[in-house]
Amino acid sequence: MPSRNTVKDLGVLINDSLTLQSHINKVSATANQRVNLLMRVCVSRDQSTLVCATAYCVYVRLILEYNCAV
């Protein structure tokens, strides 16, 4: 059986030295992509601030807070 450097358990990536650095890198990259997309959408259209704040909570904050207790 081949060995792996990272393993995904309950949605959290853990590497062979039992650190969460790969998980943190993946989550922050995904959140950054969604923030960039959200900024383009909110700037290109005349949306209210409340709609953009709600979209941030739904699309970005949810990703950042998933398994944050780990």
PDB file of N, CA and C in Angstrom:
ATOM      1  N   MET A   1       0.839  -1.164   0.000  1.00  0.00           N
ATOM      2  CA  MET A   1       0.000   0.000   0.000  1.00  0.00           C
ATOM      3  C   MET A   1       0.898   1.246   0.000  1.00  0.00           C
ATOM      4  N   PRO A   2       0.637   2.174  -0.899  1.00  0.00           N
ATOM      5  CA  PRO A   2       1.480   3.371  -0.957  1.00  0.00           C
ATOM      6  C   PRO A   2       1.220   4.305   0.229  1.00  0.00           C
ATOM      7  N   SER A   3       2.256   5.001   0.654  1.00  0.00           N
ATOM      8  CA  SER A   3       2.093   5.937   1.766  1.00  0.00           C
ATOM      9  C   SER A   3       1.656   7.306   1.249  1.00  0.00           C
ATOM     10  N   ARG A   4       0.984   8.051   2.083  1.00  0.00           N
ATOM     11  CA  ARG A   4       0.499   9.379   1.731  1.00  0.00           C
ATOM     12  C   ARG A   4       1.120  10.409   2.657  1.00  0.00           C
ATOM     13  N   ASN A   5       1.231  11.624   2.150  1.00  0.00           N
ATOM     14  CA  ASN A   5       1.722  12.713   2.986  1.00  0.00           C
ATOM     15  C   ASN A   5       0.601  13.346   3.786  1.00  0.00           C
ATOM     16  N   THR A   6      -0.603  13.404   3.205  1.00  0.00           N
ATOM     17  CA  THR A   6      -1.747  13.985   3.898  1.00  0.00           C
ATOM     18  C   THR A   6      -2.930  13.026   3.850  1.00  0.00           C
ATOM     19  N   VAL A   7      -3.750  13.110   4.884  1.00  0.00           N
ATOM     20  CA  VAL A   7      -4.952  12.297   4.985  1.00  0.00           C
ATOM     21  C   VAL A   7      -6.101  13.229   5.352  1.00  0.00           C
ATOM     22  N   LYS A   8      -7.259  12.996   4.749  1.00  0.00           N
ATOM     23  CA  LYS A   8      -8.439  13.798   5.043  1.00  0.00           C
ATOM     24  C   LYS A   8      -9.344  13.004   5.982  1.00  0.00           C
ATOM     25  N   ASP A   9      -9.602  13.559   7.157  1.00  0.00           N
ATOM     26  CA  ASP A   9     -10.457  12.914   8.138  1.00  0.00           C
ATOM     27  C   ASP A   9     -11.482  13.926   8.627  1.00  0.00           C
ATOM     28  N   LEU A  10     -12.750  13.642   8.388  1.00  0.00           N
ATOM     29  CA  LEU A  10     -13.856  14.525   8.752  1.00  0.00           C
ATOM     30  C   LEU A  10     -13.698  15.914   8.158  1.00  0.00           C
ATOM     31  N   GLY A  11     -13.158  15.981   6.953  1.00  0.00           N
ATOM     32  CA  GLY A  11     -13.016  17.248   6.252  1.00  0.00           C
ATOM     33  C   GLY A  11     -11.779  18.040   6.613  1.00  0.00           C
ATOM     34  N   VAL A  12     -10.912  17.484   7.450  1.00  0.00           N
ATOM     35  CA  VAL A  12      -9.698  18.178   7.875  1.00  0.00           C
ATOM     36  C   VAL A  12      -8.491  17.428   7.321  1.00  0.00           C
ATOM     37  N   LEU A  13      -7.593  18.162   6.664  1.00  0.00           N
ATOM     38  CA  LEU A  13      -6.371  17.571   6.143  1.00  0.00           C
ATOM     39  C   LEU A  13      -5.305  17.551   7.229  1.00  0.00           C
ATOM     40  N   ILE A  14      -4.724  16.379   7.465  1.00  0.00           N
ATOM     41  CA  ILE A  14      -3.661  16.225   8.459  1.00  0.00           C
ATOM     42  C   ILE A  14      -2.476  15.596   7.747  1.00  0.00           C
ATOM     43  N   ASN A  15      -1.295  16.200   7.903  1.00  0.00           N
ATOM     44  CA  ASN A  15      -0.128  15.649   7.226  1.00  0.00           C
ATOM     45  C   ASN A  15       0.589  14.634   8.111  1.00  0.00           C
ATOM     46  N   ASP A  16       1.678  14.072   7.602  1.00  0.00           N
ATOM     47  CA  ASP A  16       2.357  12.983   8.292  1.00  0.00           C
ATOM     48  C   ASP A  16       3.033  13.407   9.596  1.00  0.00           C
ATOM     49  N   SER A  17       3.267  14.694   9.803  1.00  0.00           N
ATOM     50  CA  SER A  17       3.830  15.156  11.068  1.00  0.00           C
ATOM     51  C   SER A  17       2.744  15.667  12.021  1.00  0.00           C
ATOM     52  N   LEU A  18       1.481  15.366  11.711  1.00  0.00           N
ATOM     53  CA  LEU A  18       0.303  15.699  12.523  1.00  0.00           C
ATOM     54  C   LEU A  18       0.113  17.199  12.732  1.00  0.00           C
ATOM     55  N   THR A  19       0.443  17.970  11.717  1.00  0.00           N
ATOM     56  CA  THR A  19       0.149  19.403  11.761  1.00  0.00           C
ATOM     57  C   THR A  19      -0.974  19.687  10.786  1.00  0.00           C
ATOM     58  N   LEU A  20      -1.604  20.818  10.948  1.00  0.00           N
ATOM     59  CA  LEU A  20      -2.745  21.187  10.123  1.00  0.00           C
ATOM     60  C   LEU A  20      -2.376  22.214   9.052  1.00  0.00           C
ATOM     61  N   GLN A  21      -1.096  22.358   8.757  1.00  0.00           N
ATOM     62  CA  GLN A  21      -0.657  23.391   7.832  1.00  0.00           C
ATOM     63  C   GLN A  21      -1.248  23.204   6.432  1.00  0.00           C
ATOM     64  N   SER A  22      -1.354  21.989   5.947  1.00  0.00           N
ATOM     65  CA  SER A  22      -1.942  21.760   4.626  1.00  0.00           C
ATOM     66  C   SER A  22      -3.429  22.117   4.623  1.00  0.00           C
ATOM     67  N   HIS A  23      -4.120  21.851   5.723  1.00  0.00           N
ATOM     68  CA  HIS A  23      -5.532  22.212   5.831  1.00  0.00           C
ATOM     69  C   HIS A  23      -5.700  23.734   5.859  1.00  0.00           C
ATOM     70  N   ILE A  24      -4.862  24.391   6.620  1.00  0.00           N
ATOM     71  CA  ILE A  24      -4.923  25.852   6.717  1.00  0.00           C
ATOM     72  C   ILE A  24      -4.636  26.486   5.361  1.00  0.00           C
ATOM     73  N   ASN A  25      -3.646  25.968   4.645  1.00  0.00           N
ATOM     74  CA  ASN A  25      -3.310  26.500   3.319  1.00  0.00           C
ATOM     75  C   ASN A  25      -4.467  26.326   2.342  1.00  0.00           C
ATOM     76  N   LYS A  26      -5.103  25.157   2.360  1.00  0.00           N
ATOM     77  CA  LYS A  26      -6.208  24.900   1.436  1.00  0.00           C
ATOM     78  C   LYS A  26      -7.416  25.776   1.756  1.00  0.00           C
ATOM     79  N   VAL A  27      -7.757  25.897   3.028  1.00  0.00           N
ATOM     80  CA  VAL A  27      -8.917  26.698   3.428  1.00  0.00           C
ATOM     81  C   VAL A  27      -8.687  28.171   3.112  1.00  0.00           C
ATOM     82  N   SER A  28      -7.494  28.674   3.400  1.00  0.00           N
ATOM     83  CA  SER A  28      -7.237  30.087   3.135  1.00  0.00           C
ATOM     84  C   SER A  28      -7.201  30.378   1.640  1.00  0.00           C
ATOM     85  N   ALA A  29      -6.703  29.454   0.834  1.00  0.00           N
ATOM     86  CA  ALA A  29      -6.703  29.651  -0.623  1.00  0.00           C
ATOM     87  C   ALA A  29      -8.130  29.662  -1.172  1.00  0.00           C
ATOM     88  N   THR A  30      -8.966  28.750  -0.690  1.00  0.00           N
ATOM     89  CA  THR A  30     -10.357  28.707  -1.126  1.00  0.00           C
ATOM     90  C   THR A  30     -11.109  29.965  -0.713  1.00  0.00           C
ATOM     91  N   ALA A  31     -10.905  30.402   0.511  1.00  0.00           N
ATOM     92  CA  ALA A  31     -11.573  31.615   0.994  1.00  0.00           C
ATOM     93  C   ALA A  31     -11.100  32.840   0.212  1.00  0.00           C
ATOM     94  N   ASN A  32      -9.812  32.895  -0.101  1.00  0.00           N
ATOM     95  CA  ASN A  32      -9.274  34.017  -0.864  1.00  0.00           C
ATOM     96  C   ASN A  32      -9.878  34.076  -2.269  1.00  0.00           C
ATOM     97  N   GLN A  33     -10.047  32.919  -2.896  1.00  0.00           N
ATOM     98  CA  GLN A  33     -10.673  32.880  -4.219  1.00  0.00           C
ATOM     99  C   GLN A  33     -12.110  33.396  -4.149  1.00  0.00           C
ATOM    100  N   ARG A  34     -12.839  32.986  -3.133  1.00  0.00           N
ATOM    101  CA  ARG A  34     -14.233  33.422  -3.007  1.00  0.00           C
ATOM    102  C   ARG A  34     -14.342  34.896  -2.656  1.00  0.00           C
ATOM    103  N   VAL A  35     -13.400  35.416  -1.873  1.00  0.00           N
ATOM    104  CA  VAL A  35     -13.402  36.848  -1.577  1.00  0.00           C
ATOM    105  C   VAL A  35     -13.156  37.638  -2.852  1.00  0.00           C
ATOM    106  N   ASN A  36     -12.202  37.205  -3.662  1.00  0.00           N
ATOM    107  CA  ASN A  36     -11.921  37.897  -4.923  1.00  0.00           C
ATOM    108  C   ASN A  36     -13.138  37.888  -5.841  1.00  0.00           C
ATOM    109  N   LEU A  37     -13.810  36.762  -5.931  1.00  0.00           N
ATOM    110  CA  LEU A  37     -15.014  36.669  -6.747  1.00  0.00           C
ATOM    111  C   LEU A  37     -16.118  37.567  -6.199  1.00  0.00           C
ATOM    112  N   LEU A  38     -16.286  37.556  -4.898  1.00  0.00           N
ATOM    113  CA  LEU A  38     -17.316  38.373  -4.265  1.00  0.00           C
ATOM    114  C   LEU A  38     -17.037  39.860  -4.454  1.00  0.00           C
ATOM    115  N   MET A  39     -15.787  40.249  -4.382  1.00  0.00           N
ATOM    116  CA  MET A  39     -15.440  41.658  -4.579  1.00  0.00           C
ATOM    117  C   MET A  39     -15.751  42.105  -6.011  1.00  0.00           C
ATOM    118  N   ARG A  40     -15.504  41.230  -6.983  1.00  0.00           N
ATOM    119  CA  ARG A  40     -15.838  41.574  -8.366  1.00  0.00           C
ATOM    120  C   ARG A  40     -17.337  41.719  -8.556  1.00  0.00           C
ATOM    121  N   VAL A  41     -18.112  40.868  -7.923  1.00  0.00           N
ATOM    122  CA  VAL A  41     -19.566  40.918  -8.068  1.00  0.00           C
ATOM    123  C   VAL A  41     -20.126  42.160  -7.388  1.00  0.00           C
ATOM    124  N   CYS A  42     -19.656  42.471  -6.196  1.00  0.00           N
ATOM    125  CA  CYS A  42     -20.186  43.621  -5.456  1.00  0.00           C
ATOM    126  C   CYS A  42     -19.755  44.940  -6.068  1.00  0.00           C
ATOM    127  N   VAL A  43     -18.598  44.982  -6.701  1.00  0.00           N
ATOM    128  CA  VAL A  43     -18.127  46.227  -7.303  1.00  0.00           C
ATOM    129  C   VAL A  43     -18.784  46.458  -8.654  1.00  0.00           C
ATOM    130  N   SER A  44     -18.989  45.399  -9.437  1.00  0.00           N
ATOM    131  CA  SER A  44     -19.507  45.576 -10.787  1.00  0.00           C
ATOM    132  C   SER A  44     -20.994  45.909 -10.820  1.00  0.00           C
ATOM    133  N   ARG A  45     -21.726  45.534  -9.800  1.00  0.00           N
ATOM    134  CA  ARG A  45     -23.153  45.831  -9.744  1.00  0.00           C
ATOM    135  C   ARG A  45     -23.434  46.790  -8.601  1.00  0.00           C
ATOM    136  N   ASP A  46     -24.508  47.516  -8.712  1.00  0.00           N
ATOM    137  CA  ASP A  46     -24.869  48.464  -7.666  1.00  0.00           C
ATOM    138  C   ASP A  46     -25.682  47.743  -6.599  1.00  0.00           C
ATOM    139  N   GLN A  47     -24.998  47.022  -5.717  1.00  0.00           N
ATOM    140  CA  GLN A  47     -25.653  46.258  -4.663  1.00  0.00           C
ATOM    141  C   GLN A  47     -25.534  47.017  -3.348  1.00  0.00           C
ATOM    142  N   SER A  48     -26.429  46.743  -2.466  1.00  0.00           N
ATOM    143  CA  SER A  48     -26.347  47.366  -1.147  1.00  0.00           C
ATOM    144  C   SER A  48     -25.271  46.658  -0.320  1.00  0.00           C
ATOM    145  N   THR A  49     -24.795  47.328   0.696  1.00  0.00           N
ATOM    146  CA  THR A  49     -23.757  46.763   1.552  1.00  0.00           C
ATOM    147  C   THR A  49     -24.271  45.551   2.311  1.00  0.00           C
ATOM    148  N   LEU A  50     -25.522  45.557   2.665  1.00  0.00           N
ATOM    149  CA  LEU A  50     -26.101  44.447   3.413  1.00  0.00           C
ATOM    150  C   LEU A  50     -26.078  43.160   2.593  1.00  0.00           C
ATOM    151  N   VAL A  51     -26.351  43.252   1.309  1.00  0.00           N
ATOM    152  CA  VAL A  51     -26.330  42.066   0.445  1.00  0.00           C
ATOM    153  C   VAL A  51     -24.916  41.514   0.360  1.00  0.00           C
ATOM    154  N   CYS A  52     -23.922  42.377   0.219  1.00  0.00           N
ATOM    155  CA  CYS A  52     -22.530  41.934   0.139  1.00  0.00           C
ATOM    156  C   CYS A  52     -22.064  41.330   1.461  1.00  0.00           C
ATOM    157  N   ALA A  53     -22.502  41.904   2.577  1.00  0.00           N
ATOM    158  CA  ALA A  53     -22.127  41.358   3.880  1.00  0.00           C
ATOM    159  C   ALA A  53     -22.762  39.992   4.099  1.00  0.00           C
ATOM    160  N   THR A  54     -23.989  39.829   3.677  1.00  0.00           N
ATOM    161  CA  THR A  54     -24.660  38.533   3.791  1.00  0.00           C
ATOM    162  C   THR A  54     -23.977  37.502   2.901  1.00  0.00           C
ATOM    163  N   ALA A  55     -23.608  37.897   1.700  1.00  0.00           N
ATOM    164  CA  ALA A  55     -22.904  36.986   0.794  1.00  0.00           C
ATOM    165  C   ALA A  55     -21.561  36.582   1.370  1.00  0.00           C
ATOM    166  N   TYR A  56     -20.867  37.512   2.020  1.00  0.00           N
ATOM    167  CA  TYR A  56     -19.592  37.188   2.661  1.00  0.00           C
ATOM    168  C   TYR A  56     -19.798  36.148   3.756  1.00  0.00           C
ATOM    169  N   CYS A  57     -20.816  36.331   4.570  1.00  0.00           N
ATOM    170  CA  CYS A  57     -21.088  35.376   5.649  1.00  0.00           C
ATOM    171  C   CYS A  57     -21.442  33.993   5.112  1.00  0.00           C
ATOM    172  N   VAL A  58     -22.144  33.960   3.992  1.00  0.00           N
ATOM    173  CA  VAL A  58     -22.578  32.688   3.436  1.00  0.00           C
ATOM    174  C   VAL A  58     -21.447  31.973   2.698  1.00  0.00           C
ATOM    175  N   TYR A  59     -20.681  32.702   1.888  1.00  0.00           N
ATOM    176  CA  TYR A  59     -19.712  32.060   1.002  1.00  0.00           C
ATOM    177  C   TYR A  59     -18.290  32.008   1.544  1.00  0.00           C
ATOM    178  N   VAL A  60     -17.899  32.926   2.388  1.00  0.00           N
ATOM    179  CA  VAL A  60     -16.505  32.973   2.835  1.00  0.00           C
ATOM    180  C   VAL A  60     -16.369  32.571   4.299  1.00  0.00           C
ATOM    181  N   ARG A  61     -17.133  33.197   5.147  1.00  0.00           N
ATOM    182  CA  ARG A  61     -16.996  32.948   6.575  1.00  0.00           C
ATOM    183  C   ARG A  61     -17.310  31.509   6.941  1.00  0.00           C
ATOM    184  N   LEU A  62     -18.246  30.910   6.241  1.00  0.00           N
ATOM    185  CA  LEU A  62     -18.599  29.518   6.482  1.00  0.00           C
ATOM    186  C   LEU A  62     -17.403  28.595   6.244  1.00  0.00           C
ATOM    187  N   ILE A  63     -16.636  28.869   5.203  1.00  0.00           N
ATOM    188  CA  ILE A  63     -15.449  28.068   4.901  1.00  0.00           C
ATOM    189  C   ILE A  63     -14.393  28.247   5.979  1.00  0.00           C
ATOM    190  N   LEU A  64     -14.192  29.468   6.416  1.00  0.00           N
ATOM    191  CA  LEU A  64     -13.162  29.754   7.405  1.00  0.00           C
ATOM    192  C   LEU A  64     -13.499  29.175   8.780  1.00  0.00           C
ATOM    193  N   GLU A  65     -14.771  29.093   9.110  1.00  0.00           N
ATOM    194  CA  GLU A  65     -15.165  28.635  10.438  1.00  0.00           C
ATOM    195  C   GLU A  65     -15.402  27.128  10.534  1.00  0.00           C
ATOM    196  N   TYR A  66     -15.405  26.424   9.405  1.00  0.00           N
ATOM    197  CA  TYR A  66     -15.634  24.979   9.450  1.00  0.00           C
ATOM    198  C   TYR A  66     -14.464  24.295  10.132  1.00  0.00           C
ATOM    199  N   ASN A  67     -14.714  23.531  11.171  1.00  0.00           N
ATOM    200  CA  ASN A  67     -13.706  22.811  11.962  1.00  0.00           C
ATOM    201  C   ASN A  67     -12.656  23.741  12.540  1.00  0.00           C
ATOM    202  N   CYS A  68     -13.028  24.928  12.937  1.00  0.00           N
ATOM    203  CA  CYS A  68     -12.054  25.853  13.502  1.00  0.00           C
ATOM    204  C   CYS A  68     -11.637  25.438  14.915  1.00  0.00           C
ATOM    205  N   ALA A  69     -12.422  24.620  15.576  1.00  0.00           N
ATOM    206  CA  ALA A  69     -12.047  24.154  16.920  1.00  0.00           C
ATOM    207  C   ALA A  69     -10.895  23.159  16.885  1.00  0.00           C
ATOM    208  N   VAL A  70     -10.669  22.557  15.727  1.00  0.00           N
ATOM    209  CA  VAL A  70      -9.550  21.625  15.583  1.00  0.00           C
ATOM    210  C   VAL A  70      -8.279  22.388  15.667  1.00  0.00           C
TER     211      VAL A  70
END
